[in-house]
């Protein structure tokens, strides 16, 4: 699958755009706030459970249309309210991005007040790389966590990837429904259209993921070499089967029908693939310490930041949720230097503003978060 540069241009009309104003209504613990951000660094400080992560999650929601913690959309609505609204005004443009969450209704996205056909059409309008504790699952979690990382990064860069992914998931649901058919036997021809679609959309997904990992690995290895005590990092995309093109994948799907019917699900295709992360030659998931896993994830995320910067011609919005406090002094200093070198607009959270370090604080707007209220310091 050739990822066309114009995909990104269509999603991102201006290289100078940043999140200028953020307004939240009934989102998490925020009743109603409107906050202007600096186009550079923004530090949100305050005790835990006051709303720092919630604010970052609102920005990530606009960027990706997903909640950071993988919860149902309704769980982000302030208790007792029917709907939540997140709005971001972009600088340099008369552009307003918004998402509305409503109980019992699919989330809706809008640009300048005009609702989009699908919420996912908002993806790519505010390029974003986010690092939170949830991202530790990239190293220690299940294959689905690593596939989700790839899908989110590639979807934000290339709308064509998201279209393939959406069509693939739809066809996968239909084939799995046939496999679980109560009658126990389904005419083979009923599988044909869904397997054709799985192959036509699945092969490009694999090709794009393989290309992304090939591009990501040297960038992440460079960061890791400085942060990881000299331990080598290796990242490999591993396919569940050997199908590397449309025809091969379709043939594999046909051949697996009987086995798949017994297991009640599709056993071949990119939805079964994984990313192997190795540290010093050992599987990071099984043998990596918490510190090693954290360092590998930071390296991977900073590598993805560099790729996004290359694609968009400017750094994406960087969100760091209490990451600095989990690092020792050496790694914290290295991460701060990497952020200062590679980031444009950034929002960082920490319990104490001083944790951001003098280099960042010297050029940052600093805010205090307390009980769902934010004030500038």
Protein backbone atom coordinates (compact mmCIF):
# COMPACT_ATOMS: atom_id res chain seq x y z
CA UNK A 1 0.00 0.00 0.00
CA UNK A 2 1.51 3.29 -1.05
CA UNK A 3 0.75 5.95 1.54
CA UNK A 4 0.29 9.11 -0.45
CA UNK A 5 1.61 12.41 0.85
CA UNK A 6 -1.57 14.21 -0.24
CA UNK A 7 -3.48 12.21 2.37
CA UNK A 8 -1.64 14.14 5.04
CA UNK A 9 -1.98 17.45 3.26
CA UNK A 10 -5.72 17.05 3.07
CA UNK A 11 -5.92 16.31 6.79
CA UNK A 12 -3.52 19.03 7.87
CA UNK A 13 -4.05 22.30 6.01
CA UNK A 14 -1.32 24.37 7.63
CA UNK A 15 2.03 23.44 9.15
CA UNK A 16 1.82 26.28 11.70
CA UNK A 17 -1.41 25.24 13.40
CA UNK A 18 -1.48 24.55 17.17
CA UNK A 19 -4.14 24.09 19.84
CA UNK A 20 -4.84 27.66 20.94
CA UNK A 21 -7.92 27.32 23.14
CA UNK A 22 -9.44 24.26 24.82
CA UNK A 23 -13.00 24.31 26.16
CA UNK A 24 -14.52 21.45 28.15
CA UNK A 25 -18.12 21.05 29.25
CA UNK A 26 -19.15 18.17 31.54
CA UNK A 27 -16.07 16.18 30.55
CA UNK A 28 -14.74 13.93 33.31
CA UNK A 29 -14.49 16.19 36.39
CA UNK A 30 -14.66 19.46 34.45
CA UNK A 31 -18.00 21.24 34.67
CA UNK A 32 -17.01 24.08 32.35
CA UNK A 33 -13.59 25.54 31.56
CA UNK A 34 -11.94 27.44 28.74
CA UNK A 35 -8.16 27.60 28.68
CA UNK A 36 -5.71 29.22 26.29
CA UNK A 37 -2.49 27.30 25.73
CA UNK A 38 0.94 28.51 24.77
CA UNK A 39 2.13 27.49 21.32
CA UNK A 40 5.23 26.12 23.06
CA UNK A 41 5.39 24.30 26.38
CA UNK A 42 2.53 24.05 28.85
CA UNK A 43 2.98 22.48 32.30
CA UNK A 44 -0.07 21.37 34.30
CA UNK A 45 0.79 20.73 37.95
CA UNK A 46 -1.20 19.64 40.97
CA UNK A 47 -1.96 16.66 43.23
CA UNK A 48 -3.24 13.41 41.80
CA UNK A 49 -6.94 12.94 40.98
CA UNK A 50 -7.55 16.65 40.32
CA UNK A 51 -8.01 16.50 36.54
CA UNK A 52 -4.57 16.78 34.92
CA UNK A 53 -4.87 13.53 32.98
CA UNK A 54 -8.48 14.35 32.13
CA UNK A 55 -7.36 17.53 30.40
CA UNK A 56 -4.76 15.65 28.36
CA UNK A 57 -7.38 13.05 27.52
CA UNK A 58 -9.63 15.75 26.08
CA UNK A 59 -6.86 16.84 23.70
CA UNK A 60 -6.13 13.23 22.78
CA UNK A 61 -9.84 12.67 22.13
CA UNK A 62 -9.89 15.50 19.60
CA UNK A 63 -6.72 14.13 17.98
CA UNK A 64 -7.68 10.44 17.87
CA UNK A 65 -11.45 10.33 18.69
CA UNK A 66 -10.60 7.77 21.41
CA UNK A 67 -10.40 7.98 25.17
CA UNK A 68 -6.97 7.30 26.62
CA UNK A 69 -8.13 4.69 29.08
CA UNK A 70 -10.07 2.55 26.63
CA UNK A 71 -13.36 3.12 28.38
CA UNK A 72 -16.81 3.59 26.92
CA UNK A 73 -17.47 7.14 25.80
CA UNK A 74 -20.28 7.59 28.32
CA UNK A 75 -17.84 7.08 31.18
CA UNK A 76 -16.16 10.39 30.30
CA UNK A 77 -19.39 12.34 30.86
CA UNK A 78 -19.63 14.16 34.19
CA UNK A 79 -21.81 12.16 36.56
CA UNK A 80 -25.41 13.31 36.43
CA UNK A 81 -25.09 15.01 33.03
CA UNK A 82 -26.39 13.73 29.71
CA UNK A 83 -23.61 14.87 27.40
CA UNK A 84 -20.03 16.15 27.35
CA UNK A 85 -18.45 18.53 24.88
CA UNK A 86 -14.76 19.00 24.00
CA UNK A 87 -13.74 21.86 21.74
CA UNK A 88 -10.32 22.95 20.47
CA UNK A 89 -9.73 26.17 18.60
CA UNK A 90 -6.71 26.00 16.30
CA UNK A 91 -4.35 28.95 16.02
CA UNK A 92 -3.55 30.40 12.63
CA UNK A 93 -6.96 29.33 11.32
CA UNK A 94 -10.59 30.08 11.89
CA UNK A 95 -10.92 26.37 12.64
CA UNK A 96 -12.77 24.82 15.54
CA UNK A 97 -12.67 21.07 16.21
CA UNK A 98 -15.23 19.52 18.52
CA UNK A 99 -16.49 16.18 19.80
CA UNK A 100 -19.76 15.61 21.65
CA UNK A 101 -20.27 12.54 23.82
CA UNK A 102 -23.87 11.71 24.71
CA UNK A 103 -25.31 8.83 26.69
CA UNK A 104 -26.94 6.27 24.44
CA UNK A 105 -25.79 8.05 21.26
CA UNK A 106 -22.69 7.63 19.10
CA UNK A 107 -20.12 10.35 19.56
CA UNK A 108 -20.28 13.15 17.02
CA UNK A 109 -17.43 15.23 15.65
CA UNK A 110 -17.67 18.65 14.05
CA UNK A 111 -15.48 21.18 12.29
CA UNK A 112 -16.60 24.81 12.60
CA UNK A 113 -19.97 23.62 13.87
CA UNK A 114 -20.63 21.31 10.91
CA UNK A 115 -21.04 17.69 11.95
CA UNK A 116 -18.89 15.16 10.09
CA UNK A 117 -20.31 11.93 8.63
CA UNK A 118 -18.09 9.91 10.98
CA UNK A 119 -16.25 10.90 14.14
CA UNK A 120 -13.12 9.29 12.69
CA UNK A 121 -13.09 11.96 9.95
CA UNK A 122 -11.59 14.24 12.60
CA UNK A 123 -8.43 12.14 12.87
CA UNK A 124 -5.37 13.95 11.52
CA UNK A 125 -6.70 17.47 12.02
CA UNK A 126 -4.66 17.87 15.21
CA UNK A 127 -1.64 15.54 14.91
CA UNK A 128 -0.69 14.29 18.34
CA UNK A 129 1.73 11.94 20.08
CA UNK A 130 0.75 11.02 23.61
CA UNK A 131 2.75 9.30 26.35
CA UNK A 132 0.91 8.05 29.43
CA UNK A 133 1.13 5.11 31.81
CA UNK A 134 -1.33 3.30 29.53
CA UNK A 135 1.38 3.17 26.86
CA UNK A 136 3.37 0.76 29.01
CA UNK A 137 1.10 -1.89 27.49
CA UNK A 138 3.03 -1.51 24.23
CA UNK A 139 5.90 -3.34 25.93
CA UNK A 140 4.18 -5.48 28.55
CA UNK A 141 0.67 -5.97 27.17
CA UNK A 142 -1.01 -8.24 24.66
CA UNK A 143 -0.54 -8.25 20.86
CA UNK A 144 -3.77 -6.26 20.54
CA UNK A 145 -2.14 -3.39 22.47
CA UNK A 146 0.75 -3.23 20.03
CA UNK A 147 -1.54 -3.48 17.02
CA UNK A 148 -3.61 -0.63 18.43
CA UNK A 149 -0.47 1.50 18.76
CA UNK A 150 0.35 0.92 15.10
CA UNK A 151 -3.22 1.52 13.97
CA UNK A 152 -3.48 4.80 15.86
CA UNK A 153 -0.14 6.13 14.61
CA UNK A 154 -0.75 5.15 10.98
CA UNK A 155 -4.37 6.34 10.98
CA UNK A 156 -3.34 9.76 12.25
CA UNK A 157 -0.70 10.04 9.51
CA UNK A 158 -2.60 8.58 6.56
CA UNK A 159 -6.39 8.67 6.20
CA UNK A 160 -6.14 5.94 3.54
CA UNK A 161 -4.84 3.56 6.24
CA UNK A 162 -7.87 4.31 8.40
CA UNK A 163 -10.19 3.57 5.48
CA UNK A 164 -8.55 0.19 4.91
CA UNK A 165 -8.68 -0.55 8.65
CA UNK A 166 -12.38 0.33 8.93
CA UNK A 167 -13.30 -1.79 5.91
CA UNK A 168 -11.18 -4.69 7.18
CA UNK A 169 -12.84 -4.70 10.60
CA UNK A 170 -16.29 -4.63 9.01
CA UNK A 171 -15.50 -7.60 6.76
CA UNK A 172 -13.92 -9.47 9.69
CA UNK A 173 -17.10 -9.11 11.73
CA UNK A 174 -19.15 -10.51 8.86
CA UNK A 175 -16.87 -13.51 8.28
CA UNK A 176 -16.77 -14.29 12.00
CA UNK A 177 -20.57 -14.12 12.13
CA UNK A 178 -20.74 -16.73 9.36
CA UNK A 179 -18.24 -18.93 11.20
CA UNK A 180 -20.43 -18.84 14.30
CA UNK A 181 -23.63 -19.50 12.36
CA UNK A 182 -26.05 -21.54 14.46
CA UNK A 183 -26.86 -23.94 11.64
CA UNK A 184 -23.27 -25.14 11.71
CA UNK A 185 -22.80 -25.09 7.94
CA UNK A 186 -22.69 -22.11 5.61
CA UNK A 187 -22.50 -22.33 1.81
CA UNK A 188 -18.89 -21.57 0.79
CA UNK A 189 -19.97 -18.85 -1.62
CA UNK A 190 -21.23 -16.78 1.31
CA UNK A 191 -17.66 -16.45 2.52
CA UNK A 192 -16.32 -15.24 -0.83
CA UNK A 193 -17.24 -11.52 -0.70
CA UNK A 194 -15.99 -11.09 2.88
CA UNK A 195 -12.75 -12.96 2.26
CA UNK A 196 -12.15 -10.89 -0.85
CA UNK A 197 -12.59 -7.70 1.17
CA UNK A 198 -10.38 -9.02 3.99
CA UNK A 199 -7.62 -9.72 1.49
CA UNK A 200 -8.00 -6.44 -0.40
CA UNK A 201 -7.85 -4.37 2.78
CA UNK A 202 -5.73 -6.65 4.98
CA UNK A 203 -2.71 -6.91 2.69
CA UNK A 204 -2.29 -3.10 2.51
CA UNK A 205 -2.55 -2.93 6.32
CA UNK A 206 0.30 -5.39 6.66
CA UNK A 207 2.41 -3.60 4.08
CA UNK A 208 1.93 -0.25 5.85
CA UNK A 209 2.68 -1.68 9.29
CA UNK A 210 5.83 -3.41 8.09
CA UNK A 211 7.04 -0.20 6.45
CA UNK A 212 6.28 1.81 9.60
CA UNK A 213 8.21 -0.55 11.88
CA UNK A 214 11.14 -0.54 9.45
CA UNK A 215 11.14 3.24 9.64
CA UNK A 216 10.55 3.38 13.40
CA UNK A 217 13.19 0.92 14.58
CA UNK A 218 16.36 2.93 13.82
CA UNK A 219 14.82 6.08 15.33
CA UNK A 220 13.78 4.27 18.51
CA UNK A 221 17.11 2.43 18.72
CA UNK A 222 18.98 5.74 18.63
CA UNK A 223 16.94 7.16 21.52
CA UNK A 224 17.19 3.91 23.46
CA UNK A 225 20.96 3.73 23.06
CA UNK A 226 21.23 6.94 25.06
CA UNK A 227 18.57 6.15 27.67
CA UNK A 228 18.87 2.39 28.05
CA UNK A 229 22.23 1.81 29.76
CA UNK A 230 23.80 0.55 26.52
CA UNK A 231 21.25 -2.25 26.03
CA UNK A 232 20.25 -2.85 22.41
CA UNK A 233 16.62 -2.38 21.37
CA UNK A 234 15.12 -4.37 18.49
CA UNK A 235 11.60 -4.03 17.06
CA UNK A 236 10.12 -6.49 14.58
CA UNK A 237 6.69 -6.80 12.98
CA UNK A 238 5.72 -10.48 13.01
CA UNK A 239 2.91 -11.85 10.87
CA UNK A 240 0.71 -14.71 12.06
CA UNK A 241 0.82 -16.27 8.60
CA UNK A 242 3.02 -15.94 5.53
CA UNK A 243 0.52 -14.09 3.32
CA UNK A 244 2.26 -10.99 2.00
CA UNK A 245 -0.08 -9.96 -0.81
CA UNK A 246 -3.79 -9.91 -1.64
CA UNK A 247 -3.94 -13.25 -3.45
CA UNK A 248 -1.91 -15.08 -0.83
CA UNK A 249 -4.06 -13.72 2.00
CA UNK A 250 -7.27 -14.66 0.23
CA UNK A 251 -5.96 -18.19 -0.37
CA UNK A 252 -5.01 -18.49 3.30
CA UNK A 253 -8.50 -17.40 4.36
CA UNK A 254 -10.12 -20.00 2.08
CA UNK A 255 -7.80 -22.73 3.34
CA UNK A 256 -8.52 -21.89 6.98
CA UNK A 257 -12.34 -22.02 6.82
CA UNK A 258 -12.75 -25.45 8.41
CA UNK A 259 -10.30 -24.74 11.21
CA UNK A 260 -11.75 -21.28 11.77
CA UNK A 261 -15.28 -22.71 12.00
CA UNK A 262 -14.12 -25.00 14.83
CA UNK A 263 -12.55 -22.11 16.75
CA UNK A 264 -15.35 -19.67 15.94
CA UNK A 265 -13.10 -16.92 14.60
CA UNK A 266 -10.70 -15.92 11.83
CA UNK A 267 -7.19 -17.13 12.61
CA UNK A 268 -5.22 -15.54 9.77
CA UNK A 269 -4.77 -11.91 8.80
CA UNK A 270 -3.25 -8.72 10.20
CA UNK A 271 -5.64 -8.74 13.19
CA UNK A 272 -3.53 -11.64 14.52
CA UNK A 273 -0.10 -10.08 13.99
CA UNK A 274 2.23 -8.75 16.68
CA UNK A 275 5.22 -6.50 17.24
CA UNK A 276 8.17 -8.12 19.02
CA UNK A 277 10.18 -5.79 21.21
CA UNK A 278 13.52 -7.08 22.41
CA UNK A 279 15.92 -5.53 24.91
CA UNK A 280 19.43 -6.96 24.98
CA UNK A 281 18.17 -9.88 22.89
CA UNK A 282 15.31 -10.81 25.25
CA UNK A 283 11.56 -10.41 24.87
CA UNK A 284 10.69 -7.14 26.65
CA UNK A 285 7.23 -8.43 27.56
CA UNK A 286 8.45 -11.57 29.31
CA UNK A 287 11.87 -10.63 30.61
CA UNK A 288 12.07 -6.84 30.71
CA UNK A 289 12.08 -5.06 34.04
CA UNK A 290 9.61 -2.24 34.58
CA UNK A 291 12.40 0.28 33.99
CA UNK A 292 13.49 -1.44 30.79
CA UNK A 293 9.92 -1.60 29.51
CA UNK A 294 9.34 2.06 30.30
CA UNK A 295 12.54 3.13 28.53
CA UNK A 296 11.67 1.07 25.43
CA UNK A 297 8.20 2.61 25.24
CA UNK A 298 9.60 6.15 25.58
CA UNK A 299 12.08 5.39 22.79
CA UNK A 300 9.29 4.03 20.57
CA UNK A 301 7.07 7.03 21.25
CA UNK A 302 9.86 9.52 20.56
CA UNK A 303 10.57 7.65 17.35
CA UNK A 304 6.92 8.00 16.35
CA UNK A 305 7.16 11.71 17.17
CA UNK A 306 10.01 12.06 14.70
CA UNK A 307 8.09 10.21 11.98
CA UNK A 308 5.07 12.45 12.48
CA UNK A 309 7.33 15.49 12.34
CA UNK A 310 8.78 14.28 9.04
CA UNK A 311 5.34 13.64 7.54
CA UNK A 312 3.64 16.86 8.62
CA UNK A 313 6.67 19.10 8.24
CA UNK A 314 6.39 20.17 11.87
CA UNK A 315 6.22 18.47 15.28
CA UNK A 316 2.80 17.17 16.31
CA UNK A 317 1.24 18.15 19.63
CA UNK A 318 3.09 16.22 22.35
CA UNK A 319 1.23 15.11 25.47
CA UNK A 320 3.24 13.77 28.42
CA UNK A 321 1.22 12.56 31.38
CA UNK A 322 3.37 12.38 34.53
CA UNK A 323 6.13 10.58 32.64
CA UNK A 324 9.05 12.58 34.01
CA UNK A 325 8.44 11.68 37.65
CA UNK A 326 8.77 7.95 36.88
CA UNK A 327 12.32 8.31 35.58
CA UNK A 328 15.64 8.54 37.35
CA UNK A 329 17.54 11.81 37.08
CA UNK A 330 19.68 10.71 34.13
CA UNK A 331 16.78 9.45 32.03
CA UNK A 332 14.67 12.45 32.98
CA UNK A 333 17.39 14.81 31.73
CA UNK A 334 17.73 12.87 28.49
CA UNK A 335 13.97 12.89 27.91
CA UNK A 336 13.76 16.62 28.59
CA UNK A 337 16.53 17.24 26.06
CA UNK A 338 14.76 15.04 23.50
CA UNK A 339 11.47 16.87 24.08
CA UNK A 340 13.11 20.28 23.75
CA UNK A 341 14.82 19.21 20.54
CA UNK A 342 11.93 17.42 18.87
CA UNK A 343 8.70 18.95 20.14
CA UNK A 344 6.73 21.98 19.05
CA UNK A 345 3.66 22.49 21.20
CA UNK A 346 3.64 20.28 24.28
CA UNK A 347 1.44 19.75 27.33
CA UNK A 348 3.08 18.06 30.31
CA UNK A 349 1.52 17.05 33.62
CA UNK A 350 3.30 16.53 36.92
CA UNK A 351 2.43 16.69 40.60
CA UNK A 352 5.04 19.40 41.13
CA UNK A 353 5.90 21.89 38.39
CA UNK A 354 9.58 21.61 39.33
CA UNK A 355 9.58 18.02 38.00
CA UNK A 356 9.48 19.46 34.47
CA UNK A 357 12.97 20.83 35.03
CA UNK A 358 14.42 24.30 34.65
CA UNK A 359 15.01 23.95 30.92
CA UNK A 360 11.31 23.47 30.21
CA UNK A 361 9.99 25.79 32.94
CA UNK A 362 12.15 28.59 31.57
CA UNK A 363 10.00 28.69 28.44
CA UNK A 364 6.68 27.21 29.58
CA UNK A 365 3.28 28.48 30.61
CA UNK A 366 2.52 26.89 33.98
CA UNK A 367 -0.95 26.05 35.28
CA UNK A 368 -2.31 24.66 38.53
CA UNK A 369 -5.05 22.03 38.39
CA UNK A 370 -7.31 21.58 41.38
CA UNK A 371 -10.72 19.86 41.59
CA UNK A 372 -11.59 20.38 37.94
CA UNK A 373 -10.40 23.97 37.80
CA UNK A 374 -7.28 25.28 36.04
CA UNK A 375 -5.57 28.59 36.72
CA UNK A 376 -2.40 30.12 35.35
CA UNK A 377 0.50 30.61 37.74
